[in-house]
Amino acid sequence: MNSKKFFLLPVIMAAVLIIASIPHVDARAITHDELEDLVLVRGDGEQFVISTIHYAYGNNRYISLRDMAYALSGTDKCFDVSIVSDQTDIVTGRDYEPVGGENTEFDTDEYSTEGLKINPICIDERDCMYYSFAGKNSEGNRDLYISITDLAMALDLNLRMDTESNRIVLGDGGFTVDIDDYVSQGLYDEVSSAIVGDAMTGEIFASFNPDVSVSCASTTKLMTYLCIMDAVSDGEISLSDSVDISANAAALSQTSDGVVRMKEGRSAKLNDLLYALLLPSSNEAALALAEHLDGTEEAFVERMNNKVQELFLSDATYFYNCHGLPEYSDTVAASKIQNHISARDMFILASHILNKYPEIRDITSTQKYKLDVFDTEIRNTNPLLYNLPGTVGLKTGTTKASGASLVAAYDITGESGTKTVVAIEYGAEDAAARNTVTEILMRYGIQCDQASAYTSEEDPFPYTADALIRRLILIKSRQK
């Protein structure tokens, strides 16, 4: 035998043994779509196989609606689910009729999934906006996968992961938020800053990096709205004004950042432009409104920054434009500049608007609105408006630098009147994380407000600058 071959043989055999010892990596793991069968343990001890999929990251579990419907049949949390083509309908309080494949392990060789998106989901005849993705087994039966947390909130389920046994546990009662538990599990790792509190009293229930200056993207448009409404209140302009569309606004509408296509020389009612501003986040509507009030965007931005001073907001808040889009500085080494705000400043701003101009709720609680002058129908981008009945606003925002953000408001009407919870999140990695984190914060705020003995003074939340700063000083002293 050739001595070189004889020498190489043990090396080759060792290499084979090493390769054989490496755990098999499924193709789905490479694409970050890992299938996993878990066991659901009901409160009565019954156990069921539940299909879950880790989407993009480990433990970012999305759960089978069909398996959950099967497992909850016969309980007070039962629901029926129908998945036909791209439409999913859920009816709570009704047992599920199996179609085949439920309560069984994955058919891993044949199972296929589609991308994460907002699939049409209707719960008790209410359209929802939860991110999910569809799957199909070898028999062609479709299923829909939704995050465990979103499902728990949507159907009021007390679900938790038992990490020791790697099982899903269904407890008694409905969905509740233990904020300390959620934070310890990394809730705030999803965002750069957050805050939730009562807009009527100013009480803060929870916060994370509330005073850090962050890019605010299209949540800028709440300041734009305030400036416009203050001008209406002062008689400078009117909601019935006809606003001319300038060359600048028309040009912006034709770019990739355009939302509502506009033509130079056309005109629109100011009130209609407010709907365009706040529902689909029309950048060109913001520019048209700014130019209508002050002639130029530069003059309007000066008004915005003056308003920052009037409201005694912090140095964390400043504006370069009226819409929140990033723009390049006019320097040799040009760099992107963006509007900034802190979560606490936005809480003050949103509370101020809700109390001074409660009619904003009429706009931001609208799901769809027809803009006849532009021959288009616009849709509200706020997911909580669809997922959490009682939500009345307010504004989404997204840029690459700011991440996905949301300023949300929820009205609680009781015997003592109406309270409004404001939940704010900045800097989520994507819209799916933004939607889930903000809904968790909002539901926590609702729990706190319903249990709080903290009451507002006889006067409503102040909407003059002097009264506002006095209220903020009072709130700060109470919370020490």
Protein backbone atom coordinates (compact mmCIF):
# COMPACT_ATOMS: atom_id res chain seq x y z
CA MET A 1 0.00 0.00 0.00
CA ASN A 2 1.16 3.48 -0.77
CA SER A 3 2.59 4.92 2.45
CA LYS A 4 0.97 8.32 1.85
CA LYS A 5 -2.45 6.69 1.43
CA PHE A 6 -1.85 4.59 4.55
CA PHE A 7 -0.96 7.74 6.47
CA LEU A 8 -4.04 9.67 5.22
CA LEU A 9 -6.56 6.93 6.00
CA PRO A 10 -6.78 7.57 9.76
CA VAL A 11 -7.04 11.31 9.08
CA ILE A 12 -9.90 10.78 6.65
CA MET A 13 -11.68 8.40 9.05
CA ALA A 14 -11.31 10.93 11.89
CA ALA A 15 -12.76 13.66 9.70
CA VAL A 16 -15.73 11.44 8.82
CA LEU A 17 -16.36 10.74 12.49
CA ILE A 18 -16.20 14.45 13.34
CA ILE A 19 -18.62 15.35 10.56
CA ALA A 20 -20.98 12.55 11.59
CA SER A 21 -20.99 13.85 15.15
CA ILE A 22 -22.18 17.33 14.11
CA PRO A 23 -25.95 17.70 14.78
CA HIS A 24 -28.08 17.63 11.65
CA VAL A 25 -29.20 21.10 10.59
CA ASP A 26 -32.60 21.18 8.96
CA ALA A 27 -33.02 23.48 5.95
CA ARG A 28 -35.68 25.39 7.85
CA ALA A 29 -33.15 26.26 10.57
CA ILE A 30 -30.89 27.81 7.93
CA THR A 31 -33.78 30.02 6.78
CA HIS A 32 -34.69 30.72 10.41
CA ASP A 33 -38.04 28.97 10.09
CA GLU A 34 -37.78 26.19 12.67
CA LEU A 35 -40.76 23.91 13.28
CA GLU A 36 -41.39 22.72 16.83
CA ASP A 37 -44.11 20.61 18.41
CA LEU A 38 -44.96 21.68 21.96
CA VAL A 39 -47.40 20.37 24.53
CA LEU A 40 -50.21 22.58 25.81
CA VAL A 41 -51.37 21.79 29.33
CA ARG A 42 -54.88 23.01 30.15
CA GLY A 43 -56.01 23.92 33.63
CA ASP A 44 -57.83 20.59 33.93
CA GLY A 45 -54.61 18.70 33.17
CA GLU A 46 -55.54 17.67 29.61
CA GLN A 47 -52.59 17.81 27.20
CA PHE A 48 -52.47 18.55 23.47
CA VAL A 49 -49.81 18.71 20.77
CA ILE A 50 -49.48 22.29 19.51
CA SER A 51 -47.57 23.20 16.35
CA THR A 52 -45.31 26.24 16.70
CA ILE A 53 -42.79 27.89 14.43
CA HIS A 54 -39.76 29.94 15.49
CA TYR A 55 -39.83 32.87 13.09
CA ALA A 56 -36.52 34.62 12.26
CA TYR A 57 -35.17 34.15 15.82
CA GLY A 58 -35.15 31.32 18.32
CA ASN A 59 -38.11 31.43 20.74
CA ASN A 60 -39.95 33.97 18.57
CA ARG A 61 -42.77 31.46 18.52
CA TYR A 62 -45.84 31.64 16.35
CA ILE A 63 -48.61 29.22 17.23
CA SER A 64 -51.14 27.19 15.21
CA LEU A 65 -54.68 28.55 15.35
CA ARG A 66 -56.16 25.18 14.40
CA ASP A 67 -54.31 23.31 17.15
CA MET A 68 -55.28 25.93 19.73
CA ALA A 69 -58.93 25.86 18.64
CA TYR A 70 -58.91 22.06 18.96
CA ALA A 71 -57.27 22.17 22.40
CA LEU A 72 -59.70 24.75 23.79
CA SER A 73 -62.89 23.09 22.56
CA GLY A 74 -65.21 22.30 25.43
CA THR A 75 -63.77 25.04 27.67
CA ASP A 76 -64.98 28.54 28.47
CA LYS A 77 -62.23 29.84 26.16
CA CYS A 78 -63.35 27.84 23.11
CA PHE A 79 -63.31 29.38 19.65
CA ASP A 80 -64.07 28.25 16.13
CA VAL A 81 -61.68 29.12 13.31
CA SER A 82 -62.17 28.99 9.56
CA ILE A 83 -59.20 29.49 7.23
CA VAL A 84 -60.23 29.81 3.60
CA SER A 85 -57.67 31.09 1.12
CA ASP A 86 -56.21 34.26 2.68
CA GLN A 87 -59.14 34.94 5.03
CA THR A 88 -59.25 33.74 8.64
CA ASP A 89 -62.45 34.03 10.68
CA ILE A 90 -62.61 33.40 14.42
CA VAL A 91 -65.82 33.11 16.43
CA THR A 92 -65.34 32.96 20.20
CA GLY A 93 -67.58 30.93 22.46
CA ARG A 94 -68.11 28.20 19.86
CA ASP A 95 -66.41 24.81 19.67
CA TYR A 96 -64.13 24.04 16.76
CA GLU A 97 -64.89 21.41 14.11
CA PRO A 98 -61.59 19.69 13.18
CA VAL A 99 -60.61 19.46 9.50
CA GLY A 100 -57.71 17.04 9.99
CA GLY A 101 -54.14 17.20 11.23
CA GLU A 102 -54.82 18.89 14.57
CA ASN A 103 -53.18 17.55 17.74
CA THR A 104 -50.53 15.72 15.68
CA GLU A 105 -46.84 16.29 15.09
CA PHE A 106 -45.56 18.31 12.14
CA ASP A 107 -45.33 16.64 8.76
CA THR A 108 -41.84 18.17 8.48
CA ASP A 109 -40.98 16.88 5.02
CA GLU A 110 -44.05 18.38 3.42
CA TYR A 111 -44.93 21.42 5.50
CA SER A 112 -44.57 24.81 3.82
CA THR A 113 -44.98 28.36 5.13
CA GLU A 114 -45.42 31.82 3.67
CA GLY A 115 -43.87 35.12 4.76
CA LEU A 116 -44.84 37.14 7.81
CA LYS A 117 -47.46 39.78 7.01
CA ILE A 118 -50.79 41.17 8.15
CA ASN A 119 -53.13 38.45 6.92
CA PRO A 120 -56.85 39.26 7.08
CA ILE A 121 -58.09 38.00 10.47
CA CYS A 122 -61.65 38.67 11.60
CA ILE A 123 -62.50 38.03 15.28
CA ASP A 124 -66.21 38.09 16.07
CA GLU A 125 -66.82 40.15 12.90
CA ARG A 126 -64.08 42.64 13.84
CA ASP A 127 -61.17 43.04 11.41
CA CYS A 128 -57.79 42.83 13.17
CA MET A 129 -54.22 43.73 12.23
CA TYR A 130 -52.03 41.01 13.73
CA TYR A 131 -48.86 39.90 11.96
CA SER A 132 -49.06 36.21 11.11
CA PHE A 133 -48.11 33.73 8.43
CA ALA A 134 -49.86 30.91 6.68
CA GLY A 135 -48.86 27.27 6.52
CA LYS A 136 -50.03 24.24 4.58
CA ASN A 137 -49.53 20.54 5.26
CA SER A 138 -49.13 17.70 2.76
CA GLU A 139 -52.92 17.25 2.61
CA GLY A 140 -53.36 20.88 1.56
CA ASN A 141 -55.01 21.99 4.82
CA ARG A 142 -54.18 25.63 5.56
CA ASP A 143 -53.33 26.95 9.00
CA LEU A 144 -52.44 30.37 10.35
CA TYR A 145 -49.68 31.06 12.86
CA ILE A 146 -49.81 34.05 15.23
CA SER A 147 -47.45 35.00 18.04
CA ILE A 148 -48.35 33.46 21.40
CA THR A 149 -48.58 36.88 23.05
CA ASP A 150 -50.80 38.32 20.31
CA LEU A 151 -53.09 35.30 20.50
CA ALA A 152 -53.33 35.62 24.28
CA MET A 153 -54.29 39.29 23.99
CA ALA A 154 -56.66 38.75 21.07
CA LEU A 155 -58.63 35.94 22.74
CA ASP A 156 -58.10 36.92 26.39
CA LEU A 157 -56.08 33.81 27.28
CA ASN A 158 -53.83 33.29 30.29
CA LEU A 159 -50.97 31.65 28.38
CA ARG A 160 -47.38 31.25 29.54
CA MET A 161 -44.31 29.23 28.64
CA ASP A 162 -43.02 26.86 31.31
CA THR A 163 -39.34 27.05 30.40
CA GLU A 164 -38.35 24.12 32.61
CA SER A 165 -40.68 21.64 30.92
CA ASN A 166 -40.79 23.53 27.58
CA ARG A 167 -44.58 23.42 27.65
CA ILE A 168 -47.34 25.95 27.09
CA VAL A 169 -49.56 26.33 30.15
CA LEU A 170 -53.13 27.67 29.98
CA GLY A 171 -54.09 29.13 33.34
CA ASP A 172 -57.43 30.24 34.71
CA GLY A 173 -58.84 33.68 33.92
CA GLY A 174 -57.87 35.98 31.11
CA PHE A 175 -54.87 37.94 29.86
CA THR A 176 -53.16 40.17 32.41
CA VAL A 177 -49.85 42.03 32.42
CA ASP A 178 -47.37 41.62 35.26
CA ILE A 179 -45.12 44.43 34.08
CA ASP A 180 -42.18 43.39 36.27
CA ASP A 181 -42.36 39.87 34.86
CA TYR A 182 -42.55 41.16 31.29
CA VAL A 183 -39.62 43.52 31.84
CA SER A 184 -37.52 40.73 33.37
CA GLN A 185 -38.24 38.68 30.25
CA GLY A 186 -36.89 41.46 28.02
CA LEU A 187 -39.92 43.58 27.08
CA TYR A 188 -37.85 46.77 26.95
CA ASP A 189 -35.06 45.09 24.98
CA GLU A 190 -37.45 45.34 22.02
CA VAL A 191 -37.52 49.17 22.10
CA SER A 192 -35.33 52.22 22.73
CA SER A 193 -37.81 54.02 25.00
CA ALA A 194 -41.39 53.70 26.22
CA ILE A 195 -43.93 55.23 28.58
CA VAL A 196 -47.55 54.62 29.59
CA GLY A 197 -49.78 56.80 31.73
CA ASP A 198 -53.09 58.60 32.22
CA ALA A 199 -53.52 61.60 29.92
CA MET A 200 -56.19 63.13 32.16
CA THR A 201 -54.21 63.13 35.42
CA GLY A 202 -50.65 62.86 34.16
CA GLU A 203 -49.91 59.77 36.28
CA ILE A 204 -47.13 57.62 34.79
CA PHE A 205 -47.62 53.86 35.26
CA ALA A 206 -44.40 52.60 33.70
CA SER A 207 -41.50 53.96 31.65
CA PHE A 208 -38.21 53.01 30.07
CA ASN A 209 -35.60 55.59 29.04
CA PRO A 210 -38.40 58.21 29.06
CA ASP A 211 -36.07 61.21 28.76
CA VAL A 212 -33.75 59.90 26.03
CA SER A 213 -33.93 61.88 22.79
CA VAL A 214 -35.01 59.58 19.94
CA SER A 215 -35.90 60.01 16.28
CA CYS A 216 -39.65 60.46 16.19
CA ALA A 217 -40.38 59.90 12.47
CA SER A 218 -44.04 60.46 11.58
CA THR A 219 -45.18 60.90 15.17
CA THR A 220 -43.91 64.41 14.35
CA LYS A 221 -47.31 64.94 12.75
CA LEU A 222 -48.93 65.26 16.18
CA MET A 223 -46.99 68.50 16.67
CA THR A 224 -48.00 69.54 13.16
CA TYR A 225 -51.63 68.87 14.08
CA LEU A 226 -51.32 70.91 17.28
CA CYS A 227 -49.84 73.90 15.44
CA ILE A 228 -52.62 73.80 12.85
CA MET A 229 -55.38 73.49 15.46
CA ASP A 230 -53.95 76.28 17.59
CA ALA A 231 -53.95 78.47 14.48
CA VAL A 232 -57.57 77.51 13.83
CA SER A 233 -58.44 78.31 17.45
CA ASP A 234 -56.71 81.70 17.14
CA GLY A 235 -58.57 82.52 13.92
CA GLU A 236 -55.52 82.50 11.65
CA ILE A 237 -57.02 79.78 9.45
CA SER A 238 -60.22 77.72 9.29
CA LEU A 239 -61.05 74.02 9.00
CA SER A 240 -63.13 74.92 5.96
CA ASP A 241 -60.19 76.63 4.21
CA SER A 242 -59.35 75.53 0.69
CA VAL A 243 -55.65 74.58 0.71
CA ASP A 244 -53.75 74.95 -2.56
CA ILE A 245 -51.36 72.14 -3.40
CA SER A 246 -47.95 73.64 -4.15
CA ALA A 247 -45.30 72.32 -6.53
CA ASN A 248 -43.31 71.15 -3.49
CA ALA A 249 -46.19 69.18 -2.00
CA ALA A 250 -47.09 67.66 -5.37
CA ALA A 251 -43.47 66.67 -6.01
CA LEU A 252 -43.19 65.03 -2.56
CA SER A 253 -46.34 63.02 -3.23
CA GLN A 254 -44.74 61.51 -6.34
CA THR A 255 -41.63 60.24 -4.51
CA SER A 256 -41.19 56.93 -2.71
CA ASP A 257 -42.19 58.78 0.48
CA GLY A 258 -45.46 59.92 -1.08
CA VAL A 259 -48.68 58.59 0.43
CA VAL A 260 -51.53 60.44 -1.30
CA ARG A 261 -50.89 61.43 -4.91
CA MET A 262 -51.48 65.17 -5.39
CA LYS A 263 -51.26 67.50 -8.36
CA GLU A 264 -49.95 71.04 -8.32
CA GLY A 265 -52.71 73.63 -8.58
CA ARG A 266 -55.40 71.38 -7.11
CA SER A 267 -56.92 72.28 -3.76
CA ALA A 268 -58.32 70.36 -0.80
CA LYS A 269 -60.27 71.22 2.33
CA LEU A 270 -58.05 71.73 5.35
CA ASN A 271 -60.14 69.29 7.38
CA ASP A 272 -59.63 66.57 4.75
CA LEU A 273 -55.87 67.14 4.87
CA LEU A 274 -55.94 66.54 8.64
CA TYR A 275 -57.39 63.08 7.97
CA ALA A 276 -54.67 62.47 5.38
CA LEU A 277 -52.07 63.70 7.86
CA LEU A 278 -53.07 61.38 10.71
CA LEU A 279 -54.55 58.23 9.14
CA PRO A 280 -52.13 57.08 6.42
CA SER A 281 -49.41 59.56 7.55
CA SER A 282 -49.38 61.71 4.41
CA ASN A 283 -46.11 63.67 4.23
CA GLU A 284 -47.43 65.81 1.40
CA ALA A 285 -50.50 66.73 3.48
CA ALA A 286 -48.17 67.91 6.28
CA LEU A 287 -46.24 70.07 3.81
CA ALA A 288 -49.42 71.51 2.24
CA LEU A 289 -50.79 72.42 5.67
CA ALA A 290 -47.49 73.99 6.76
CA GLU A 291 -47.27 76.11 3.61
CA HIS A 292 -50.92 77.14 3.89
CA LEU A 293 -50.43 78.46 7.42
CA ASP A 294 -46.97 80.05 7.23
CA GLY A 295 -46.08 80.31 3.56
CA THR A 296 -42.99 78.13 3.82
CA GLU A 297 -42.06 74.94 5.65
CA GLU A 298 -39.15 76.76 7.28
CA ALA A 299 -41.48 79.28 8.89
CA PHE A 300 -43.81 76.53 10.05
CA VAL A 301 -40.92 74.57 11.61
CA GLU A 302 -40.00 77.70 13.55
CA ARG A 303 -43.58 77.70 14.85
CA MET A 304 -43.20 74.03 15.85
CA ASN A 305 -40.03 74.70 17.83
CA ASN A 306 -41.61 77.74 19.46
CA LYS A 307 -44.44 75.43 20.53
CA VAL A 308 -41.84 73.18 22.16
CA GLN A 309 -40.85 76.14 24.32
CA GLU A 310 -44.45 77.11 25.07
CA LEU A 311 -45.21 73.61 26.34
CA PHE A 312 -42.00 73.54 28.40
CA LEU A 313 -40.81 70.40 26.64
CA SER A 314 -37.20 69.38 27.17
CA ASP A 315 -34.09 69.89 25.05
CA ALA A 316 -34.60 66.34 23.81
CA THR A 317 -37.28 67.66 21.44
CA TYR A 318 -36.55 69.62 18.27
CA PHE A 319 -37.84 69.65 14.70
CA TYR A 320 -36.26 70.11 11.28
CA ASN A 321 -39.40 69.56 9.19
CA CYS A 322 -43.16 69.19 9.43
CA HIS A 323 -43.53 65.49 8.54
CA GLY A 324 -40.72 63.48 10.16
CA LEU A 325 -38.87 62.25 7.09
CA PRO A 326 -35.07 62.18 7.37
CA GLU A 327 -33.21 64.77 5.32
CA TYR A 328 -29.57 65.49 4.61
CA SER A 329 -27.81 68.41 6.25
CA ASP A 330 -26.43 71.11 3.97
CA THR A 331 -22.75 70.50 4.78
CA VAL A 332 -19.67 69.20 2.99
CA ALA A 333 -19.89 65.94 4.92
CA ALA A 334 -23.65 65.69 4.57
CA SER A 335 -25.46 63.44 7.03
CA LYS A 336 -29.06 62.56 7.72
CA ILE A 337 -30.84 64.67 10.30
CA GLN A 338 -34.17 63.77 11.83
CA ASN A 339 -36.74 65.24 14.18
CA HIS A 340 -36.24 64.14 17.79
CA ILE A 341 -38.37 63.87 20.92
CA SER A 342 -38.36 62.00 24.21
CA ALA A 343 -41.10 59.58 25.21
CA ARG A 344 -41.98 61.80 28.18
CA ASP A 345 -42.22 64.90 25.99
CA MET A 346 -44.47 63.01 23.57
CA PHE A 347 -46.65 61.90 26.50
CA ILE A 348 -47.05 65.56 27.50
CA LEU A 349 -47.70 66.61 23.90
CA ALA A 350 -50.27 63.84 23.27
CA SER A 351 -52.01 64.51 26.60
CA HIS A 352 -52.12 68.21 25.81
CA ILE A 353 -53.74 67.58 22.41
CA LEU A 354 -56.26 65.05 23.75
CA ASN A 355 -57.44 67.49 26.38
CA LYS A 356 -57.36 70.71 24.40
CA TYR A 357 -58.66 69.25 21.13
CA PRO A 358 -60.67 66.13 22.05
CA GLU A 359 -62.02 66.13 18.47
CA ILE A 360 -58.76 64.52 17.39
CA ARG A 361 -60.40 61.28 18.53
CA ASP A 362 -62.96 61.65 15.73
CA ILE A 363 -60.10 61.62 13.22
CA THR A 364 -57.73 59.07 14.69
CA SER A 365 -60.45 56.56 15.62
CA THR A 366 -61.59 56.47 11.98
CA GLN A 367 -60.52 53.32 10.15
CA LYS A 368 -61.24 54.50 6.60
CA TYR A 369 -61.89 57.90 5.04
CA LYS A 370 -62.72 58.90 1.48
CA LEU A 371 -60.71 61.78 0.03
CA ASP A 372 -63.00 62.70 -2.83
CA VAL A 373 -60.77 65.48 -4.17
CA PHE A 374 -57.94 62.98 -4.69
CA ASP A 375 -60.28 60.14 -5.66
CA THR A 376 -58.80 57.80 -3.06
CA GLU A 377 -59.73 56.05 0.17
CA ILE A 378 -57.23 56.21 3.01
CA ARG A 379 -56.83 53.73 5.88
CA ASN A 380 -55.65 54.19 9.44
CA THR A 381 -52.25 52.58 10.09
CA ASN A 382 -52.71 52.25 13.88
CA PRO A 383 -52.97 48.49 14.64
CA LEU A 384 -54.48 48.97 18.10
CA LEU A 385 -57.49 50.62 16.52
CA TYR A 386 -58.37 47.23 15.06
CA ASN A 387 -57.06 44.92 17.78
CA LEU A 388 -58.17 46.69 20.96
CA PRO A 389 -61.70 48.15 20.94
CA GLY A 390 -61.68 51.46 22.82
CA THR A 391 -58.53 52.71 21.12
CA VAL A 392 -58.99 56.26 19.80
CA GLY A 393 -55.58 57.12 18.33
CA LEU A 394 -53.06 58.42 17.76
CA LYS A 395 -50.07 58.01 15.38
CA THR A 396 -47.57 55.54 13.96
CA GLY A 397 -44.05 56.39 12.81
CA THR A 398 -41.26 54.54 11.03
CA THR A 399 -37.88 55.34 9.53
CA LYS A 400 -34.74 53.19 9.32
CA ALA A 401 -33.05 55.21 12.06
CA SER A 402 -36.06 55.54 14.36
CA GLY A 403 -37.36 52.02 13.98
CA ALA A 404 -41.07 51.34 14.27
CA SER A 405 -42.89 53.55 16.77
CA LEU A 406 -46.43 54.15 17.99
CA VAL A 407 -48.26 56.73 20.08
CA ALA A 408 -51.57 55.16 21.13
CA ALA A 409 -54.56 56.38 23.14
CA TYR A 410 -57.39 54.42 24.73
CA ASP A 411 -60.56 55.78 26.36
CA ILE A 412 -62.02 54.19 29.51
CA THR A 413 -65.54 55.37 30.24
CA GLY A 414 -66.84 54.80 33.76
CA GLU A 415 -69.19 56.28 36.33
CA SER A 416 -66.73 59.04 37.19
CA GLY A 417 -66.24 60.02 33.55
CA THR A 418 -63.72 59.18 30.85
CA LYS A 419 -60.08 58.41 31.45
CA THR A 420 -57.56 58.17 28.61
CA VAL A 421 -54.51 55.94 28.70
CA VAL A 422 -51.58 56.93 26.46
CA ALA A 423 -48.97 54.29 25.59
CA ILE A 424 -45.86 55.28 23.64
CA GLU A 425 -43.11 53.13 22.21
CA TYR A 426 -40.08 54.22 20.18
CA GLY A 427 -37.45 52.17 18.36
CA ALA A 428 -38.90 48.70 17.79
CA GLU A 429 -37.06 46.57 15.25
CA ASP A 430 -40.15 46.08 13.10
CA ALA A 431 -43.89 46.71 12.99
CA ALA A 432 -44.68 43.29 14.45
CA ALA A 433 -42.64 44.01 17.61
CA ARG A 434 -44.00 47.58 17.77
CA ASN A 435 -47.60 46.40 17.68
CA THR A 436 -47.13 43.72 20.34
CA VAL A 437 -45.09 45.86 22.78
CA THR A 438 -47.47 48.83 22.54
CA GLU A 439 -50.53 46.65 23.10
CA ILE A 440 -48.88 45.09 26.17
CA LEU A 441 -48.13 48.58 27.53
CA MET A 442 -51.65 49.76 26.75
CA ARG A 443 -53.26 46.78 28.45
CA TYR A 444 -51.05 47.38 31.47
CA GLY A 445 -52.10 51.02 31.51
CA ILE A 446 -55.76 50.01 31.39
CA GLN A 447 -55.23 47.66 34.33
CA CYS A 448 -53.53 50.45 36.29
CA ASP A 449 -56.12 53.08 35.46
CA GLN A 450 -58.98 50.82 36.47
CA ALA A 451 -57.31 50.17 39.83
CA SER A 452 -55.88 53.66 40.43
CA ALA A 453 -57.15 55.94 43.16
CA TYR A 454 -55.19 58.79 41.59
CA THR A 455 -57.67 61.47 40.54
CA SER A 456 -57.45 64.63 38.48
CA GLU A 457 -58.28 68.00 39.95
CA GLU A 458 -61.61 69.63 39.25
CA ASP A 459 -60.17 71.45 36.26
CA PRO A 460 -59.45 69.36 33.15
CA PHE A 461 -55.89 68.72 32.02
CA PRO A 462 -54.50 72.23 31.33
CA TYR A 463 -54.07 73.43 27.79
CA THR A 464 -52.36 76.74 28.40
CA ALA A 465 -48.60 76.74 28.83
CA ASP A 466 -48.61 78.22 32.36
CA ALA A 467 -51.29 75.85 33.60
CA LEU A 468 -49.53 72.90 31.98
CA ILE A 469 -46.21 73.54 33.70
CA ARG A 470 -47.96 73.94 37.06
CA ARG A 471 -49.67 70.58 36.55
CA LEU A 472 -46.40 68.88 35.59
CA ILE A 473 -44.68 70.23 38.72
CA LEU A 474 -47.59 68.93 40.84
CA ILE A 475 -47.45 65.50 39.19
CA LYS A 476 -43.68 65.28 39.72
CA SER A 477 -44.02 66.13 43.40
CA ARG A 478 -46.74 63.48 43.90
CA GLN A 479 -44.67 60.77 42.28
CA LYS A 480 -41.55 61.29 44.44
